[in-house]
Amino acid sequence: MEVDKVETQNQQQKHKQVHLFYCLESEELARKVAGHSDLITLQSINWRNFDDGFPNLFINNAEDLRGQHVAFLACFSSPGVIFEQLSVIYALPRLFAASFTLVLPFFPTGSFERMEEEGDVATAFTMARILSNIPISRGGPTSLVIYDIHALQERFYFGDQVLPLFVTGIPLLKQRLHQLPESDKIAVAFPDDGAWKRFHKLLDHFPMVVCVKVREGDERIVRIKEGNPAGYHVVIVDDLVQSGGTLVECQKVLAAHGAAKVSAYVTHGVFPKRSWERFTHKNEAGMEDAFAYFWITDSCPHTVKAIANKRPFEVLSLAGSIADALQI
């Protein structure tokens, strides 16, 4: 009987009740996360502003958080929303929380991680320093959950005051690919060596094609470096998309080399200035039929709303993966 009691206590310790706060942009995703587990309770913040535009914030039920596991689902979609969210992120662990987890699905400054000449500002390093100074909770350092950070070396930008957990959206893609009727005729393509280094071990049971950009005169042209796409439904895989120009060029090359279909997957559909439209309208000859599927996750809420019910886009939700991460 005593052994059974100890096992029950251990199981209870492994599964923690989490109070999940969220920014306004991430409300839909937060509700999906809570829908995956009875152990996650949604909490709210009053996102108000003073007349001068600066935040006037209030954390509801703050006293009830003492001794509890607390998390915040953030979305740093623009510089203008970061300050108000950081104010909340810095405040929550100080409410005597047993632990604090920050979920930032998309690390937005990740593509600005290096200096190429004196004067360049590596904003990825700046953001990592800011997040590394989140106050510790009663349980210790903040757990920081990020999906498919752009450059692998960025994991070393964070200080010892936080525990970064780097997660990938690739399992969602693999699950979706196995649901396709032609799942035995799928190959994976990478637009460059960087994408191959990041993802090939997670997709090594698929035939692979690696593309490369080469310079011809004043132009940079995409070519196939290795692999044969002929006869396959080829899925281009990368961590994020901005304008989508590289994906378009990859699609053209793969189709020219005999690919039966071409689709794309990116974890983060950033698409500034509505650049997703090039994949749904005839801005380029035949582009509306060029991609059979274009999969993204819901790490960028603005894009998810913009592309709703628009072919070829399909959203693979991170909600279940985030719910699992909150139990670590």
Protein backbone atom coordinates (compact mmCIF):
# COMPACT_ATOMS: atom_id res chain seq x y z
CA MET A 1 0.00 0.00 0.00
CA GLU A 2 2.82 2.38 0.86
CA VAL A 3 4.47 1.68 -2.51
CA ASP A 4 1.19 2.45 -4.34
CA LYS A 5 0.89 5.71 -2.43
CA VAL A 6 4.42 6.75 -3.42
CA GLU A 7 3.75 5.88 -7.10
CA THR A 8 0.56 7.95 -7.04
CA GLN A 9 2.44 10.90 -5.56
CA ASN A 10 5.14 10.57 -8.23
CA GLN A 11 2.51 10.57 -10.99
CA GLN A 12 0.93 13.70 -9.51
CA GLN A 13 4.31 15.40 -9.41
CA LYS A 14 4.91 14.56 -13.08
CA HIS A 15 1.64 16.19 -14.14
CA LYS A 16 1.35 19.78 -13.04
CA GLN A 17 -1.56 22.19 -13.19
CA VAL A 18 -0.45 25.15 -15.30
CA HIS A 19 -1.97 28.64 -15.33
CA LEU A 20 -1.53 29.92 -18.88
CA PHE A 21 -1.56 33.64 -19.66
CA TYR A 22 -1.36 34.92 -23.23
CA CYS A 23 -1.10 38.07 -25.30
CA LEU A 24 -4.13 39.17 -27.32
CA GLU A 25 -2.66 37.98 -30.62
CA SER A 26 -2.15 34.48 -29.25
CA GLU A 27 -5.60 34.01 -27.74
CA GLU A 28 -6.80 31.52 -30.34
CA LEU A 29 -3.66 29.41 -30.00
CA ALA A 30 -3.85 29.62 -26.19
CA ARG A 31 -7.42 28.27 -26.26
CA LYS A 32 -6.29 25.39 -28.46
CA VAL A 33 -3.42 24.64 -26.06
CA ALA A 34 -5.83 24.56 -23.11
CA GLY A 35 -8.15 22.33 -25.12
CA HIS A 36 -5.43 19.67 -25.24
CA SER A 37 -5.17 19.24 -21.49
CA ASP A 38 -7.38 19.52 -18.40
CA LEU A 39 -4.19 20.46 -16.56
CA ILE A 40 -4.00 23.85 -18.31
CA THR A 41 -6.17 26.72 -17.06
CA LEU A 42 -6.39 29.93 -19.04
CA GLN A 43 -5.82 33.17 -17.16
CA SER A 44 -6.25 36.74 -18.35
CA ILE A 45 -4.53 40.11 -18.37
CA ASN A 46 -6.14 43.51 -18.83
CA TRP A 47 -4.21 44.96 -21.78
CA ARG A 48 -4.91 48.65 -21.37
CA ASN A 49 -3.08 51.85 -22.26
CA PHE A 50 -2.74 55.24 -20.64
CA ASP A 51 -3.66 58.31 -22.66
CA ASP A 52 -0.03 58.74 -23.69
CA GLY A 53 -0.03 55.28 -25.26
CA PHE A 54 2.14 53.50 -22.71
CA PRO A 55 0.85 50.22 -21.21
CA ASN A 56 -1.50 50.16 -18.23
CA LEU A 57 -1.51 46.45 -17.44
CA PHE A 58 -3.21 44.33 -14.79
CA ILE A 59 -2.68 40.61 -14.08
CA ASN A 60 -5.99 39.13 -12.95
CA ASN A 61 -6.06 36.71 -9.98
CA ALA A 62 -2.45 37.53 -9.15
CA GLU A 63 -2.66 36.38 -5.52
CA ASP A 64 -3.95 32.98 -6.63
CA LEU A 65 -0.68 32.31 -8.46
CA ARG A 66 1.39 31.86 -5.30
CA GLY A 67 2.94 28.40 -5.33
CA GLN A 68 1.46 27.66 -8.78
CA HIS A 69 3.02 26.76 -12.12
CA VAL A 70 2.63 29.74 -14.44
CA ALA A 71 3.21 30.14 -18.19
CA PHE A 72 2.88 32.93 -20.74
CA LEU A 73 2.26 32.48 -24.47
CA ALA A 74 3.93 35.39 -26.24
CA CYS A 75 3.91 36.72 -29.78
CA PHE A 76 6.58 39.29 -30.66
CA SER A 77 4.98 40.13 -34.01
CA SER A 78 6.27 43.71 -34.09
CA PRO A 79 8.54 45.95 -31.99
CA GLY A 80 5.47 47.83 -30.78
CA VAL A 81 4.02 44.88 -28.84
CA ILE A 82 7.23 43.59 -27.29
CA PHE A 83 7.51 46.11 -24.43
CA GLU A 84 4.05 45.46 -22.97
CA GLN A 85 4.57 41.71 -23.12
CA LEU A 86 8.02 41.94 -21.54
CA SER A 87 6.48 43.94 -18.71
CA VAL A 88 4.12 41.04 -17.99
CA ILE A 89 6.83 38.42 -18.54
CA TYR A 90 9.08 40.12 -15.97
CA ALA A 91 6.20 40.46 -13.48
CA LEU A 92 4.72 36.94 -13.49
CA PRO A 93 7.67 35.03 -11.93
CA ARG A 94 7.78 37.58 -9.08
CA LEU A 95 4.29 36.63 -7.93
CA PHE A 96 5.78 33.75 -5.90
CA ALA A 97 5.12 31.28 -8.73
CA ALA A 98 6.42 27.75 -8.23
CA SER A 99 7.75 27.86 -11.80
CA PHE A 100 7.51 30.07 -14.86
CA THR A 101 7.54 29.04 -18.53
CA LEU A 102 7.66 31.47 -21.43
CA VAL A 103 6.48 30.10 -24.77
CA LEU A 104 7.72 32.23 -27.67
CA PRO A 105 6.93 30.05 -30.72
CA PHE A 106 8.69 32.38 -33.17
CA PHE A 107 11.94 34.10 -32.20
CA PRO A 108 11.48 37.07 -34.55
CA THR A 109 14.98 38.55 -34.61
CA GLY A 110 16.55 35.18 -35.39
CA SER A 111 17.54 36.03 -38.95
CA PHE A 112 19.63 39.00 -37.75
CA GLU A 113 22.18 37.05 -35.80
CA ARG A 114 25.57 38.05 -37.14
CA MET A 115 27.76 41.03 -37.95
CA GLU A 116 29.18 41.09 -41.45
CA GLU A 117 30.82 44.47 -41.07
CA GLU A 118 31.54 46.87 -38.23
CA GLY A 119 28.37 48.70 -37.36
CA ASP A 120 25.91 45.84 -37.97
CA VAL A 121 23.68 45.20 -34.94
CA ALA A 122 22.97 41.54 -34.13
CA THR A 123 19.44 42.01 -32.80
CA ALA A 124 19.04 38.27 -32.17
CA PHE A 125 21.74 38.55 -29.52
CA THR A 126 20.02 41.63 -28.05
CA MET A 127 16.70 39.78 -27.75
CA ALA A 128 18.42 36.78 -26.17
CA ARG A 129 20.03 39.07 -23.57
CA ILE A 130 16.67 40.63 -22.73
CA LEU A 131 15.00 37.24 -22.29
CA SER A 132 17.96 35.96 -20.28
CA ASN A 133 17.22 38.55 -17.60
CA ILE A 134 13.71 37.37 -16.76
CA PRO A 135 13.53 37.22 -12.92
CA ILE A 136 13.74 33.75 -11.45
CA SER A 137 10.64 32.24 -9.85
CA ARG A 138 10.58 30.33 -6.57
CA GLY A 139 11.34 27.19 -8.57
CA GLY A 140 14.38 28.61 -10.33
CA PRO A 141 15.15 29.87 -13.84
CA THR A 142 12.50 30.49 -16.47
CA SER A 143 11.90 27.75 -19.03
CA LEU A 144 11.92 29.33 -22.49
CA VAL A 145 10.21 27.36 -25.28
CA ILE A 146 11.09 28.33 -28.87
CA TYR A 147 10.28 26.51 -32.12
CA ASP A 148 12.81 26.10 -34.92
CA ILE A 149 15.05 29.03 -34.10
CA HIS A 150 16.61 30.34 -37.31
CA ALA A 151 20.30 29.78 -36.61
CA LEU A 152 21.38 26.83 -34.49
CA GLN A 153 24.18 28.80 -32.84
CA GLU A 154 21.61 31.14 -31.31
CA ARG A 155 20.98 28.62 -28.55
CA PHE A 156 24.29 29.79 -27.11
CA TYR A 157 23.16 33.43 -26.97
CA PHE A 158 21.04 32.85 -23.84
CA GLY A 159 22.44 33.32 -20.37
CA ASP A 160 22.33 30.91 -17.46
CA GLN A 161 19.31 32.61 -15.87
CA VAL A 162 16.97 30.89 -18.36
CA LEU A 163 16.61 27.31 -19.56
CA PRO A 164 15.96 27.41 -23.33
CA LEU A 165 14.01 24.49 -24.75
CA PHE A 166 14.32 24.34 -28.54
CA VAL A 167 11.48 22.42 -30.14
CA THR A 168 10.69 21.63 -33.78
CA GLY A 169 7.48 21.59 -35.77
CA ILE A 170 8.74 18.78 -38.04
CA PRO A 171 6.74 16.03 -36.25
CA LEU A 172 3.56 17.86 -37.31
CA LEU A 173 4.73 17.78 -40.93
CA LYS A 174 5.63 14.08 -40.77
CA GLN A 175 2.22 13.27 -39.33
CA ARG A 176 0.51 15.19 -42.14
CA LEU A 177 2.62 13.60 -44.87
CA HIS A 178 1.72 10.11 -43.68
CA GLN A 179 -1.95 11.05 -44.12
CA LEU A 180 -1.50 11.80 -47.84
CA PRO A 181 -2.61 9.11 -50.30
CA GLU A 182 0.77 9.13 -52.08
CA SER A 183 2.80 9.00 -48.85
CA ASP A 184 5.10 6.36 -50.35
CA LYS A 185 6.10 8.70 -53.19
CA ILE A 186 7.22 11.74 -51.18
CA ALA A 187 10.67 13.28 -51.27
CA VAL A 188 11.96 16.17 -49.20
CA ALA A 189 13.86 19.12 -50.66
CA PHE A 190 15.95 21.70 -48.87
CA PRO A 191 16.45 25.16 -50.41
CA ASP A 192 20.05 25.37 -49.15
CA ASP A 193 22.68 23.59 -47.08
CA GLY A 194 21.55 25.40 -43.93
CA ALA A 195 18.05 23.89 -44.10
CA TRP A 196 19.59 20.47 -44.81
CA LYS A 197 21.87 20.70 -41.76
CA ARG A 198 18.94 21.69 -39.57
CA PHE A 199 16.34 19.15 -40.65
CA HIS A 200 17.77 16.19 -42.56
CA LYS A 201 18.19 13.94 -39.50
CA LEU A 202 14.51 14.43 -38.65
CA LEU A 203 13.44 13.42 -42.16
CA ASP A 204 16.06 10.86 -43.10
CA HIS A 205 13.52 8.16 -44.08
CA PHE A 206 12.45 10.28 -47.10
CA PRO A 207 14.46 10.57 -50.33
CA MET A 208 16.19 13.96 -50.30
CA VAL A 209 16.99 16.72 -52.73
CA VAL A 210 19.35 19.56 -51.79
CA CYS A 211 19.23 22.83 -53.69
CA VAL A 212 21.82 25.58 -53.78
CA LYS A 213 21.97 29.20 -54.90
CA VAL A 214 24.69 29.92 -57.43
CA ARG A 215 25.71 33.24 -58.91
CA GLU A 216 25.46 33.71 -62.66
CA GLY A 217 26.49 37.22 -63.59
CA ASP A 218 24.42 39.57 -61.46
CA GLU A 219 21.80 36.94 -60.67
CA ARG A 220 21.59 34.24 -58.02
CA ILE A 221 19.96 31.13 -59.45
CA VAL A 222 18.67 28.06 -57.62
CA ARG A 223 20.05 24.74 -58.82
CA ILE A 224 19.82 21.15 -57.64
CA LYS A 225 23.01 20.18 -55.82
CA GLU A 226 22.13 16.55 -55.17
CA GLY A 227 19.18 14.18 -55.40
CA ASN A 228 16.58 13.46 -58.09
CA PRO A 229 13.01 14.78 -57.74
CA ALA A 230 11.64 12.99 -60.82
CA GLY A 231 8.31 11.28 -60.18
CA TYR A 232 8.05 12.36 -56.53
CA HIS A 233 5.71 14.65 -54.64
CA VAL A 234 8.51 16.91 -53.39
CA VAL A 235 8.07 18.90 -50.18
CA ILE A 236 10.40 21.87 -49.72
CA VAL A 237 11.25 22.23 -46.01
CA ASP A 238 12.63 25.31 -44.25
CA ASP A 239 12.30 27.05 -40.88
CA LEU A 240 10.69 30.29 -42.09
CA VAL A 241 9.55 32.22 -45.12
CA GLN A 242 9.65 35.97 -45.71
CA SER A 243 9.01 37.04 -49.32
CA GLY A 244 8.92 33.45 -50.58
CA GLY A 245 11.19 34.16 -53.55
CA THR A 246 13.55 31.26 -52.82
CA LEU A 247 10.65 28.80 -52.51
CA VAL A 248 9.28 29.95 -55.86
CA GLU A 249 12.63 29.42 -57.55
CA CYS A 250 13.04 26.00 -55.91
CA GLN A 251 9.60 24.96 -57.13
CA LYS A 252 10.45 25.91 -60.70
CA VAL A 253 13.70 23.93 -60.65
CA LEU A 254 12.08 20.86 -59.06
CA ALA A 255 9.22 20.92 -61.57
CA ALA A 256 11.68 21.28 -64.45
CA HIS A 257 13.50 18.15 -63.21
CA GLY A 258 10.37 16.03 -63.24
CA ALA A 259 8.74 16.44 -59.82
CA ALA A 260 5.15 15.15 -60.00
CA LYS A 261 4.01 17.73 -57.44
CA VAL A 262 5.70 20.34 -55.28
CA SER A 263 4.59 21.44 -51.80
CA ALA A 264 6.24 23.50 -49.08
CA TYR A 265 6.49 23.48 -45.30
CA VAL A 266 7.83 26.23 -43.05
CA THR A 267 7.40 26.42 -39.31
CA HIS A 268 7.09 30.21 -39.36
CA GLY A 269 5.03 31.87 -42.07
CA VAL A 270 6.21 35.45 -41.55
CA PHE A 271 5.13 36.84 -44.95
CA PRO A 272 5.68 40.61 -44.39
CA LYS A 273 3.66 42.98 -46.59
CA ARG A 274 1.18 40.21 -47.47
CA SER A 275 3.82 38.39 -49.47
CA TRP A 276 1.75 35.19 -49.07
CA GLU A 277 -0.41 36.54 -51.89
CA ARG A 278 2.13 35.47 -54.51
CA PHE A 279 1.18 31.87 -53.70
CA THR A 280 -2.56 32.40 -54.17
CA HIS A 281 -2.82 34.89 -57.06
CA LYS A 282 -1.53 35.00 -60.60
CA ASN A 283 1.28 37.40 -59.77
CA GLU A 284 3.55 34.96 -61.55
CA ALA A 285 2.59 32.65 -64.38
CA GLY A 286 0.96 29.53 -63.02
CA MET A 287 1.84 30.25 -59.38
CA GLU A 288 -1.69 29.53 -58.17
CA ASP A 289 -1.19 25.86 -59.17
CA ALA A 290 2.54 25.57 -58.51
CA PHE A 291 2.24 24.32 -54.91
CA ALA A 292 -0.08 21.45 -54.10
CA TYR A 293 0.13 22.31 -50.38
CA PHE A 294 1.79 25.05 -48.39
CA TRP A 295 1.95 24.06 -44.73
CA ILE A 296 2.72 26.52 -41.94
CA THR A 297 2.22 26.39 -38.18
CA ASP A 298 0.29 28.90 -36.09
CA SER A 299 3.45 30.48 -34.67
CA CYS A 300 2.62 33.76 -36.49
CA PRO A 301 -1.04 34.56 -35.66
CA HIS A 302 -1.40 37.44 -38.13
CA THR A 303 -0.53 35.15 -41.02
CA VAL A 304 -2.88 32.42 -39.83
CA LYS A 305 -5.79 34.86 -39.96
CA ALA A 306 -4.73 36.26 -43.33
CA ILE A 307 -4.45 32.91 -45.14
CA ALA A 308 -7.54 31.25 -43.61
CA ASN A 309 -9.38 29.14 -46.23
CA LYS A 310 -6.95 30.18 -48.97
CA ARG A 311 -5.41 27.47 -51.10
CA PRO A 312 -2.77 26.07 -51.04
CA PHE A 313 -2.27 27.01 -47.38
CA GLU A 314 -2.95 24.66 -44.51
CA VAL A 315 -2.15 25.33 -40.84
CA LEU A 316 -0.59 22.66 -38.63
CA SER A 317 -1.22 23.75 -35.05
CA LEU A 318 1.52 23.77 -32.42
CA ALA A 319 -1.10 23.55 -29.65
CA GLY A 320 -0.55 19.91 -28.71
CA SER A 321 3.22 20.29 -28.76
CA ILE A 322 3.03 23.41 -26.56
CA ALA A 323 0.73 21.61 -24.10
CA ASP A 324 3.33 18.82 -23.84
CA ALA A 325 6.16 21.33 -23.36
CA LEU A 326 4.33 22.94 -20.44
CA GLN A 327 4.59 19.63 -18.55
CA ILE A 328 8.39 19.49 -18.75
